[in-house]
């Protein structure tokens, strides 16, 4: 079954070439991290995936990444979305390159999948063949190891993770117990790239069956 893709939007972007030292201290910047780039995304997990990709394409570090409570349907403003991400580096050119990677990832590489026509029921089953510095640290794995990034609504997430873990030789390295800030759940799994793909496929298939008949157990 082919599910319709749901892409995120980057709602706002700003680069600060030379951040004020007081703000830099609050962001726990290292002395060499003089430049930062800030963005907001309409979908948090896609934003985090994009941050990780930026660390592979530019000399940047993720210094801030947070989801907003209740999700994009209850934002504090039209440019808030579901998350904020901040990249830092020694130069404006590097953070600009990082933001370019973020934009490309959001526009074409990472997406949720809709389980109904209204796109109000969705899942995220994204395989990262080689993790960057951000998600590898979050998962407690070595940089470059594959990840299956699996997210869904609360019940679906728990059931789907069980299916994913049973379908392939993968290990759960990060559990996002529902509800998250955006009322979802899921986890990060690692293994070989093929195992991560098999786990993601099992996650998706099990949730599709729930969507088709939620009360049949």
Foldseek 3Di string as FASTA:
>chain_A
DDFDWAFKDWQDKDKDFADDVVVCVVLVHDPLFGIKMKIAMQDQVLQLVLLFQLLVFFVKDWSDKDFAAQAQVDDPDPNHHTMMTMITGNGRVRNVSSVVSSVVSRVPPFTWGALDPVSPFTKGWHKDQFTGPRVCVVLVHDGTFIKTWIKGAQVLQVVLQVQLVVQAVKDFRFWAHAPDSNRMTHGIITDHRVSSVRSSVRSVVVSSVCSVPVPDD
